[in-house]
Amino acid sequence: MSIPPVALAAAHRARAIATIARTRTTKPAPVLDDAGRTALRKIAELLDEAAHALETEPATIDNDGLHFPADAWLSLQAAEAVALAHPGIGIPRTLGQYVTAALYPHDKAESEVELPVTLLPRTPKAMVREAELFGRILGLHGALRIVTDQATTTLVLEDVFRLHWQHARLADTIAADRARSDSGQSPLPAAVEIATPATTVALRRAHDELGPTLTYELKSASLSCFSRVHPQPYPAVRMVSHHGLTIPTCDEHRDAAAHTAQELYDALD
């Protein structure tokens, strides 16, 4: 039994994306809930099943071209359904296209991978951010069409799925902004919980990957909550950072700290 090279290339992509999903369950940032981690593990399991089918079951070739195994197709469809049901995990609903595109290296239409659905942002900053993400994702889609070796393919997939994660974080921010705008309040950035960064460089990298507003636990009690509601000084237990502009806060005033950090950052523009 001979397995076509393109089927083996597709299997490699499936395993690479499975590794991305599993790795995301163990990273210290962001802090995912149990449902998110379970969804990521299920996607990884289904992608492994698809890869196994591609590596072991013969594909058929007829006048319409190559048809890969039904078991692989069903596993990819199931993985996409999990991703669609859990948009917060940052795995695109089009994840199957990243696998099947390898089967049609000379057919531009069949090897095309769709962009995420637009979030329809209302603010100029969010519009610019989504456009930037879409441009970078498109560039990586172009790279995937021309790379052939497995190591480079893995690196490109890691980069593009990192951008999909950032798009999911942008969706959280836009949803929070809309909720507050619809209620007559000014927009509040959604703060992503991360492990306490060891350095400012680590914090900057976390912003690059996870979004504009982050929050993390303080390891010492040397700072006071920014809110004047407390009798001063009142110990802060966490920090909120908006693009690196940090505000110490107690848990009660975390949302207010995120809002203040955003306003101060915007005032610096």
C-alpha atoms as a PDB file:
ATOM      1  CA  MET A   1       0.000   0.000   0.000  1.00  0.00           C
ATOM      2  CA  SER A   2       1.386   3.346  -1.055  1.00  0.00           C
ATOM      3  CA  ILE A   3       0.409   6.539   0.735  1.00  0.00           C
ATOM      4  CA  PRO A   4       0.675   9.649  -1.500  1.00  0.00           C
ATOM      5  CA  PRO A   5       3.267  12.195  -0.310  1.00  0.00           C
ATOM      6  CA  VAL A   6       0.577  14.874  -0.117  1.00  0.00           C
ATOM      7  CA  ALA A   7      -1.393  12.712   2.334  1.00  0.00           C
ATOM      8  CA  LEU A   8       1.707  12.384   4.514  1.00  0.00           C
ATOM      9  CA  ALA A   9       2.175  16.161   4.342  1.00  0.00           C
ATOM     10  CA  ALA A  10      -1.424  16.627   5.476  1.00  0.00           C
ATOM     11  CA  ALA A  11      -0.860  14.163   8.322  1.00  0.00           C
ATOM     12  CA  HIS A  12       2.152  16.171   9.474  1.00  0.00           C
ATOM     13  CA  ARG A  13       0.043  19.330   9.544  1.00  0.00           C
ATOM     14  CA  ALA A  14      -2.629  17.593  11.606  1.00  0.00           C
ATOM     15  CA  ARG A  15      -0.064  16.418  14.160  1.00  0.00           C
ATOM     16  CA  ALA A  16       1.562  19.847  14.292  1.00  0.00           C
ATOM     17  CA  ILE A  17      -1.780  21.522  15.058  1.00  0.00           C
ATOM     18  CA  ALA A  18      -2.534  18.832  17.648  1.00  0.00           C
ATOM     19  CA  THR A  19       0.731  19.728  19.392  1.00  0.00           C
ATOM     20  CA  ILE A  20      -0.190  23.424  19.299  1.00  0.00           C
ATOM     21  CA  ALA A  21      -3.531  22.641  20.967  1.00  0.00           C
ATOM     22  CA  ARG A  22      -1.971  20.453  23.662  1.00  0.00           C
ATOM     23  CA  THR A  23       0.758  22.984  24.388  1.00  0.00           C
ATOM     24  CA  ARG A  24      -1.851  25.688  24.865  1.00  0.00           C
ATOM     25  CA  THR A  25      -3.428  23.687  27.717  1.00  0.00           C
ATOM     26  CA  THR A  26      -0.171  23.737  29.689  1.00  0.00           C
ATOM     27  CA  LYS A  27       1.060  27.299  29.115  1.00  0.00           C
ATOM     28  CA  PRO A  28       1.022  29.535  32.208  1.00  0.00           C
ATOM     29  CA  ALA A  29      -0.658  32.309  30.194  1.00  0.00           C
ATOM     30  CA  PRO A  30      -3.478  32.672  29.610  1.00  0.00           C
ATOM     31  CA  VAL A  31      -5.311  30.896  32.399  1.00  0.00           C
ATOM     32  CA  LEU A  32      -7.922  28.751  30.617  1.00  0.00           C
ATOM     33  CA  ASP A  33     -10.980  27.314  32.317  1.00  0.00           C
ATOM     34  CA  ASP A  34     -11.611  23.566  32.491  1.00  0.00           C
ATOM     35  CA  ALA A  35     -13.969  23.654  29.497  1.00  0.00           C
ATOM     36  CA  GLY A  36     -11.329  25.380  27.371  1.00  0.00           C
ATOM     37  CA  ARG A  37      -8.599  22.906  28.301  1.00  0.00           C
ATOM     38  CA  THR A  38     -10.953  19.975  27.670  1.00  0.00           C
ATOM     39  CA  ALA A  39     -11.860  21.375  24.242  1.00  0.00           C
ATOM     40  CA  LEU A  40      -8.190  21.776  23.304  1.00  0.00           C
ATOM     41  CA  ARG A  41      -7.381  18.223  24.356  1.00  0.00           C
ATOM     42  CA  LYS A  42     -10.365  16.896  22.349  1.00  0.00           C
ATOM     43  CA  ILE A  43      -9.244  18.790  19.254  1.00  0.00           C
ATOM     44  CA  ALA A  44      -5.732  17.365  19.638  1.00  0.00           C
ATOM     45  CA  GLU A  45      -7.123  13.840  19.974  1.00  0.00           C
ATOM     46  CA  LEU A  46      -9.274  14.214  16.845  1.00  0.00           C
ATOM     47  CA  LEU A  47      -6.363  15.633  14.859  1.00  0.00           C
ATOM     48  CA  ASP A  48      -4.196  12.676  15.876  1.00  0.00           C
ATOM     49  CA  GLU A  49      -6.943  10.368  14.618  1.00  0.00           C
ATOM     50  CA  ALA A  50      -7.065  12.264  11.312  1.00  0.00           C
ATOM     51  CA  ALA A  51      -3.270  12.044  10.975  1.00  0.00           C
ATOM     52  CA  HIS A  52      -3.322   8.297  11.641  1.00  0.00           C
ATOM     53  CA  ALA A  53      -5.972   7.768   8.954  1.00  0.00           C
ATOM     54  CA  LEU A  54      -4.003   9.842   6.455  1.00  0.00           C
ATOM     55  CA  GLU A  55      -0.841   7.842   7.177  1.00  0.00           C
ATOM     56  CA  THR A  56      -2.402   4.388   7.058  1.00  0.00           C
ATOM     57  CA  GLU A  57      -5.515   4.397   4.888  1.00  0.00           C
ATOM     58  CA  PRO A  58      -5.092   4.621   1.108  1.00  0.00           C
ATOM     59  CA  ALA A  59      -6.434   7.707  -0.580  1.00  0.00           C
ATOM     60  CA  THR A  60      -8.285   7.306  -3.855  1.00  0.00           C
ATOM     61  CA  ILE A  61      -7.548   9.210  -7.037  1.00  0.00           C
ATOM     62  CA  ASP A  62     -10.096   9.581  -9.820  1.00  0.00           C
ATOM     63  CA  ASN A  63     -10.974  12.128 -12.513  1.00  0.00           C
ATOM     64  CA  ASP A  64     -11.977  14.611  -9.821  1.00  0.00           C
ATOM     65  CA  GLY A  65      -8.581  14.354  -8.154  1.00  0.00           C
ATOM     66  CA  LEU A  66      -7.470  12.990  -4.784  1.00  0.00           C
ATOM     67  CA  HIS A  67      -9.962  11.978  -2.104  1.00  0.00           C
ATOM     68  CA  PHE A  68      -8.508  11.385   1.335  1.00  0.00           C
ATOM     69  CA  PRO A  69      -9.812   8.781   3.790  1.00  0.00           C
ATOM     70  CA  ALA A  70     -13.316   9.175   5.169  1.00  0.00           C
ATOM     71  CA  ASP A  71     -12.086   8.598   8.738  1.00  0.00           C
ATOM     72  CA  ALA A  72      -9.735  11.571   8.427  1.00  0.00           C
ATOM     73  CA  TRP A  73     -12.494  13.736   7.021  1.00  0.00           C
ATOM     74  CA  LEU A  74     -14.887  12.846   9.856  1.00  0.00           C
ATOM     75  CA  SER A  75     -12.217  13.540  12.499  1.00  0.00           C
ATOM     76  CA  LEU A  76     -11.440  16.945  11.000  1.00  0.00           C
ATOM     77  CA  GLN A  77     -15.126  17.857  10.877  1.00  0.00           C
ATOM     78  CA  ALA A  78     -15.515  16.885  14.540  1.00  0.00           C
ATOM     79  CA  ALA A  79     -12.451  18.956  15.510  1.00  0.00           C
ATOM     80  CA  GLU A  80     -13.860  21.974  13.673  1.00  0.00           C
ATOM     81  CA  ALA A  81     -17.164  21.567  15.521  1.00  0.00           C
ATOM     82  CA  VAL A  82     -15.341  21.675  18.873  1.00  0.00           C
ATOM     83  CA  ALA A  83     -13.398  24.782  17.812  1.00  0.00           C
ATOM     84  CA  LEU A  84     -16.607  26.494  16.691  1.00  0.00           C
ATOM     85  CA  ALA A  85     -18.289  25.737  20.012  1.00  0.00           C
ATOM     86  CA  HIS A  86     -15.347  27.158  22.001  1.00  0.00           C
ATOM     87  CA  PRO A  87     -14.151  30.323  20.213  1.00  0.00           C
ATOM     88  CA  GLY A  88     -12.304  31.532  23.320  1.00  0.00           C
ATOM     89  CA  ILE A  89      -9.577  28.886  22.946  1.00  0.00           C
ATOM     90  CA  GLY A  90      -8.277  30.611  19.827  1.00  0.00           C
ATOM     91  CA  ILE A  91      -8.370  27.593  17.486  1.00  0.00           C
ATOM     92  CA  PRO A  92     -10.023  28.681  14.215  1.00  0.00           C
ATOM     93  CA  ARG A  93     -13.150  27.008  12.911  1.00  0.00           C
ATOM     94  CA  THR A  94     -11.199  26.537   9.652  1.00  0.00           C
ATOM     95  CA  LEU A  95      -8.534  24.341  11.249  1.00  0.00           C
ATOM     96  CA  GLY A  96      -9.383  21.466   8.902  1.00  0.00           C
ATOM     97  CA  GLN A  97      -8.504  23.616   5.896  1.00  0.00           C
ATOM     98  CA  TYR A  98      -4.942  23.930   7.173  1.00  0.00           C
ATOM     99  CA  VAL A  99      -4.700  20.142   6.932  1.00  0.00           C
ATOM    100  CA  THR A 100      -6.532  19.505   3.665  1.00  0.00           C
ATOM    101  CA  ALA A 101      -4.743  22.336   1.833  1.00  0.00           C
ATOM    102  CA  ALA A 102      -1.633  20.138   1.727  1.00  0.00           C
ATOM    103  CA  LEU A 103      -3.501  17.613  -0.448  1.00  0.00           C
ATOM    104  CA  TYR A 104      -3.867  20.099  -3.294  1.00  0.00           C
ATOM    105  CA  PRO A 105      -0.520  21.904  -3.646  1.00  0.00           C
ATOM    106  CA  HIS A 106      -1.198  22.865  -7.274  1.00  0.00           C
ATOM    107  CA  ASP A 107      -4.838  23.897  -6.924  1.00  0.00           C
ATOM    108  CA  LYS A 108      -5.058  27.416  -5.514  1.00  0.00           C
ATOM    109  CA  ALA A 109      -8.795  27.204  -4.829  1.00  0.00           C
ATOM    110  CA  GLU A 110      -8.561  23.919  -2.909  1.00  0.00           C
ATOM    111  CA  SER A 111      -5.451  25.009  -0.991  1.00  0.00           C
ATOM    112  CA  GLU A 112      -7.023  28.296   0.137  1.00  0.00           C
ATOM    113  CA  VAL A 113      -7.612  28.790   3.866  1.00  0.00           C
ATOM    114  CA  GLU A 114     -10.324  31.230   4.885  1.00  0.00           C
ATOM    115  CA  LEU A 115      -9.702  34.169   7.183  1.00  0.00           C
ATOM    116  CA  PRO A 116     -11.571  34.347  10.496  1.00  0.00           C
ATOM    117  CA  VAL A 117     -14.980  35.978  10.402  1.00  0.00           C
ATOM    118  CA  THR A 118     -14.588  39.715  11.008  1.00  0.00           C
ATOM    119  CA  LEU A 119     -15.456  40.954  14.489  1.00  0.00           C
ATOM    120  CA  LEU A 120     -17.001  44.122  13.004  1.00  0.00           C
ATOM    121  CA  PRO A 121     -15.066  46.384  15.373  1.00  0.00           C
ATOM    122  CA  ARG A 122     -16.478  49.846  16.058  1.00  0.00           C
ATOM    123  CA  THR A 123     -13.403  51.716  17.257  1.00  0.00           C
ATOM    124  CA  PRO A 124     -10.504  52.812  15.018  1.00  0.00           C
ATOM    125  CA  LYS A 125      -7.959  51.028  17.216  1.00  0.00           C
ATOM    126  CA  ALA A 126      -9.824  47.727  17.017  1.00  0.00           C
ATOM    127  CA  MET A 127     -10.314  48.143  13.258  1.00  0.00           C
ATOM    128  CA  VAL A 128      -6.600  48.713  12.752  1.00  0.00           C
ATOM    129  CA  ARG A 129      -5.730  45.765  15.002  1.00  0.00           C
ATOM    130  CA  GLU A 130      -8.011  43.335  13.164  1.00  0.00           C
ATOM    131  CA  ALA A 131      -6.745  44.539   9.786  1.00  0.00           C
ATOM    132  CA  GLU A 132      -3.182  44.023  10.984  1.00  0.00           C
ATOM    133  CA  LEU A 133      -3.955  40.493  12.155  1.00  0.00           C
ATOM    134  CA  PHE A 134      -5.726  39.624   8.903  1.00  0.00           C
ATOM    135  CA  GLY A 135      -2.766  40.922   6.878  1.00  0.00           C
ATOM    136  CA  ARG A 136      -0.276  38.847   8.860  1.00  0.00           C
ATOM    137  CA  ILE A 137      -2.473  35.734   8.669  1.00  0.00           C
ATOM    138  CA  LEU A 138      -2.795  36.126   4.890  1.00  0.00           C
ATOM    139  CA  GLY A 139       0.974  36.403   4.595  1.00  0.00           C
ATOM    140  CA  LEU A 140       1.434  33.154   6.489  1.00  0.00           C
ATOM    141  CA  HIS A 141      -1.222  31.456   4.356  1.00  0.00           C
ATOM    142  CA  GLY A 142       0.884  32.388   1.352  1.00  0.00           C
ATOM    143  CA  ALA A 143       3.956  30.909   3.024  1.00  0.00           C
ATOM    144  CA  LEU A 144       2.117  27.641   3.698  1.00  0.00           C
ATOM    145  CA  ARG A 145       1.405  27.276  -0.013  1.00  0.00           C
ATOM    146  CA  ILE A 146       5.102  27.254  -0.901  1.00  0.00           C
ATOM    147  CA  VAL A 147       6.915  25.582   2.012  1.00  0.00           C
ATOM    148  CA  THR A 148       7.636  21.886   1.611  1.00  0.00           C
ATOM    149  CA  ASP A 149       9.803  20.726   4.510  1.00  0.00           C
ATOM    150  CA  GLN A 150       8.152  19.651   7.749  1.00  0.00           C
ATOM    151  CA  ALA A 151      10.201  21.829  10.107  1.00  0.00           C
ATOM    152  CA  THR A 152       9.317  25.061   8.292  1.00  0.00           C
ATOM    153  CA  THR A 153       5.682  24.012   7.949  1.00  0.00           C
ATOM    154  CA  THR A 154       5.496  23.501  11.712  1.00  0.00           C
ATOM    155  CA  LEU A 155       6.989  26.930  12.405  1.00  0.00           C
ATOM    156  CA  VAL A 156       4.556  28.649  10.038  1.00  0.00           C
ATOM    157  CA  LEU A 157       1.588  26.827  11.587  1.00  0.00           C
ATOM    158  CA  GLU A 158       2.726  27.870  15.070  1.00  0.00           C
ATOM    159  CA  ASP A 159       2.921  31.489  13.926  1.00  0.00           C
ATOM    160  CA  VAL A 160      -0.475  31.518  12.247  1.00  0.00           C
ATOM    161  CA  PHE A 161      -2.233  29.820  15.162  1.00  0.00           C
ATOM    162  CA  ARG A 162      -0.634  32.351  17.517  1.00  0.00           C
ATOM    163  CA  LEU A 163      -2.301  35.074  15.432  1.00  0.00           C
ATOM    164  CA  HIS A 164      -5.638  33.253  15.614  1.00  0.00           C
ATOM    165  CA  TRP A 165      -5.229  33.272  19.393  1.00  0.00           C
ATOM    166  CA  GLN A 166      -4.638  37.030  19.311  1.00  0.00           C
ATOM    167  CA  HIS A 167      -7.788  37.458  17.188  1.00  0.00           C
ATOM    168  CA  ALA A 168      -9.766  35.554  19.835  1.00  0.00           C
ATOM    169  CA  ARG A 169      -8.398  37.905  22.500  1.00  0.00           C
ATOM    170  CA  LEU A 170      -9.398  40.889  20.360  1.00  0.00           C
ATOM    171  CA  ALA A 171     -12.912  39.411  20.223  1.00  0.00           C
ATOM    172  CA  ASP A 172     -13.009  39.406  24.036  1.00  0.00           C
ATOM    173  CA  THR A 173     -11.954  43.050  24.147  1.00  0.00           C
ATOM    174  CA  ILE A 174     -14.518  44.112  21.546  1.00  0.00           C
ATOM    175  CA  ALA A 175     -17.302  42.215  23.335  1.00  0.00           C
ATOM    176  CA  ALA A 176     -16.455  43.921  26.631  1.00  0.00           C
ATOM    177  CA  ASP A 177     -16.343  47.320  24.924  1.00  0.00           C
ATOM    178  CA  ARG A 178     -19.738  46.774  23.325  1.00  0.00           C
ATOM    179  CA  ALA A 179     -21.338  45.601  26.553  1.00  0.00           C
ATOM    180  CA  ARG A 180     -20.231  48.733  28.363  1.00  0.00           C
ATOM    181  CA  SER A 181     -21.030  50.992  25.421  1.00  0.00           C
ATOM    182  CA  ASP A 182     -24.554  49.570  25.131  1.00  0.00           C
ATOM    183  CA  SER A 183     -25.075  50.160  28.840  1.00  0.00           C
ATOM    184  CA  GLY A 184     -23.953  53.785  28.519  1.00  0.00           C
ATOM    185  CA  GLN A 185     -20.573  53.223  30.142  1.00  0.00           C
ATOM    186  CA  SER A 186     -17.204  53.907  28.592  1.00  0.00           C
ATOM    187  CA  PRO A 187     -15.408  50.867  27.091  1.00  0.00           C
ATOM    188  CA  LEU A 188     -13.522  48.596  29.435  1.00  0.00           C
ATOM    189  CA  PRO A 189     -10.701  46.397  28.137  1.00  0.00           C
ATOM    190  CA  ALA A 190     -10.978  42.688  28.843  1.00  0.00           C
ATOM    191  CA  ALA A 191      -8.042  41.755  31.089  1.00  0.00           C
ATOM    192  CA  VAL A 192      -6.413  38.380  30.377  1.00  0.00           C
ATOM    193  CA  GLU A 193      -5.072  36.580  33.451  1.00  0.00           C
ATOM    194  CA  ILE A 194      -1.417  35.569  33.111  1.00  0.00           C
ATOM    195  CA  ALA A 195       1.297  34.173  35.338  1.00  0.00           C
ATOM    196  CA  THR A 196       3.385  36.891  36.977  1.00  0.00           C
ATOM    197  CA  PRO A 197       6.035  37.926  34.407  1.00  0.00           C
ATOM    198  CA  ALA A 198       9.626  37.811  35.612  1.00  0.00           C
ATOM    199  CA  THR A 199      10.787  40.797  33.544  1.00  0.00           C
ATOM    200  CA  THR A 200       9.426  43.709  31.525  1.00  0.00           C
ATOM    201  CA  VAL A 201      10.505  41.851  28.390  1.00  0.00           C
ATOM    202  CA  ALA A 202       8.340  38.893  29.422  1.00  0.00           C
ATOM    203  CA  LEU A 203       5.424  41.272  30.016  1.00  0.00           C
ATOM    204  CA  ARG A 204       5.918  42.825  26.577  1.00  0.00           C
ATOM    205  CA  ARG A 205       5.917  39.388  24.959  1.00  0.00           C
ATOM    206  CA  ALA A 206       2.725  38.495  26.814  1.00  0.00           C
ATOM    207  CA  HIS A 207       1.066  41.643  25.450  1.00  0.00           C
ATOM    208  CA  ASP A 208       2.224  40.764  21.921  1.00  0.00           C
ATOM    209  CA  GLU A 209       0.643  37.339  22.187  1.00  0.00           C
ATOM    210  CA  LEU A 210      -2.418  37.860  24.367  1.00  0.00           C
ATOM    211  CA  GLY A 211      -3.682  41.398  23.864  1.00  0.00           C
ATOM    212  CA  PRO A 212      -3.584  44.945  25.198  1.00  0.00           C
ATOM    213  CA  THR A 213      -4.780  44.370  28.771  1.00  0.00           C
ATOM    214  CA  LEU A 214      -3.306  41.795  31.137  1.00  0.00           C
ATOM    215  CA  THR A 215      -3.573  41.134  34.849  1.00  0.00           C
ATOM    216  CA  TYR A 216      -1.312  39.126  37.123  1.00  0.00           C
ATOM    217  CA  GLU A 217      -0.738  38.383  40.799  1.00  0.00           C
ATOM    218  CA  LEU A 218       1.699  40.509  42.787  1.00  0.00           C
ATOM    219  CA  LYS A 219       4.334  38.485  44.596  1.00  0.00           C
ATOM    220  CA  SER A 220       4.882  41.099  47.299  1.00  0.00           C
ATOM    221  CA  ALA A 221       2.694  43.397  49.383  1.00  0.00           C
ATOM    222  CA  SER A 222       4.796  46.508  48.872  1.00  0.00           C
ATOM    223  CA  LEU A 223       2.292  48.309  46.625  1.00  0.00           C
ATOM    224  CA  SER A 224      -1.058  49.869  47.494  1.00  0.00           C
ATOM    225  CA  CYS A 225      -4.343  49.673  45.592  1.00  0.00           C
ATOM    226  CA  PHE A 226      -4.753  52.707  43.378  1.00  0.00           C
ATOM    227  CA  SER A 227      -8.381  53.242  44.452  1.00  0.00           C
ATOM    228  CA  ARG A 228      -9.012  56.071  46.904  1.00  0.00           C
ATOM    229  CA  VAL A 229     -12.131  54.322  48.159  1.00  0.00           C
ATOM    230  CA  HIS A 230      -9.957  52.445  50.646  1.00  0.00           C
ATOM    231  CA  PRO A 231      -8.434  53.955  53.728  1.00  0.00           C
ATOM    232  CA  GLN A 232      -4.858  54.362  52.573  1.00  0.00           C
ATOM    233  CA  PRO A 233      -2.643  52.504  52.322  1.00  0.00           C
ATOM    234  CA  TYR A 234      -4.553  49.377  51.266  1.00  0.00           C
ATOM    235  CA  PRO A 235      -2.418  46.494  49.949  1.00  0.00           C
ATOM    236  CA  ALA A 236      -2.623  45.632  46.260  1.00  0.00           C
ATOM    237  CA  VAL A 237      -2.755  41.933  45.393  1.00  0.00           C
ATOM    238  CA  ARG A 238      -2.433  42.162  41.621  1.00  0.00           C
ATOM    239  CA  MET A 239      -1.294  44.342  38.774  1.00  0.00           C
ATOM    240  CA  VAL A 240      -3.217  45.381  35.676  1.00  0.00           C
ATOM    241  CA  SER A 241      -1.163  46.269  32.605  1.00  0.00           C
ATOM    242  CA  HIS A 242      -2.473  48.004  29.482  1.00  0.00           C
ATOM    243  CA  HIS A 243       0.263  47.920  26.822  1.00  0.00           C
ATOM    244  CA  GLY A 244       2.798  47.973  29.659  1.00  0.00           C
ATOM    245  CA  LEU A 245       1.236  50.820  31.636  1.00  0.00           C
ATOM    246  CA  THR A 246       0.669  49.170  35.012  1.00  0.00           C
ATOM    247  CA  ILE A 247      -1.787  49.893  37.832  1.00  0.00           C
ATOM    248  CA  PRO A 248      -1.648  48.077  41.220  1.00  0.00           C
ATOM    249  CA  THR A 249      -5.054  47.061  42.544  1.00  0.00           C
ATOM    250  CA  CYS A 250      -6.993  44.868  44.922  1.00  0.00           C
ATOM    251  CA  ASP A 251      -9.309  42.218  43.465  1.00  0.00           C
ATOM    252  CA  GLU A 252     -12.367  44.382  44.153  1.00  0.00           C
ATOM    253  CA  HIS A 253     -11.144  47.190  41.883  1.00  0.00           C
ATOM    254  CA  ARG A 254      -9.497  45.188  39.098  1.00  0.00           C
ATOM    255  CA  ASP A 255     -11.994  46.337  36.442  1.00  0.00           C
ATOM    256  CA  ALA A 256     -11.607  49.951  37.495  1.00  0.00           C
ATOM    257  CA  ALA A 257      -7.833  49.546  37.318  1.00  0.00           C
ATOM    258  CA  ALA A 258      -8.094  48.190  33.771  1.00  0.00           C
ATOM    259  CA  HIS A 259     -10.218  51.174  32.788  1.00  0.00           C
ATOM    260  CA  THR A 260      -7.785  53.621  34.417  1.00  0.00           C
ATOM    261  CA  ALA A 261      -4.791  51.988  32.744  1.00  0.00           C
ATOM    262  CA  GLN A 262      -6.494  52.278  29.351  1.00  0.00           C
ATOM    263  CA  GLU A 263      -7.360  55.940  29.897  1.00  0.00           C
ATOM    264  CA  LEU A 264      -3.827  56.804  31.020  1.00  0.00           C
ATOM    265  CA  TYR A 265      -2.320  54.942  28.071  1.00  0.00           C
ATOM    266  CA  ASP A 266      -4.634  56.686  25.619  1.00  0.00           C
ATOM    267  CA  ALA A 267      -3.739  60.059  27.160  1.00  0.00           C
ATOM    268  CA  LEU A 268      -0.094  59.385  26.269  1.00  0.00           C
ATOM    269  CA  ASP A 269      -0.867  59.057  22.535  1.00  0.00           C
END
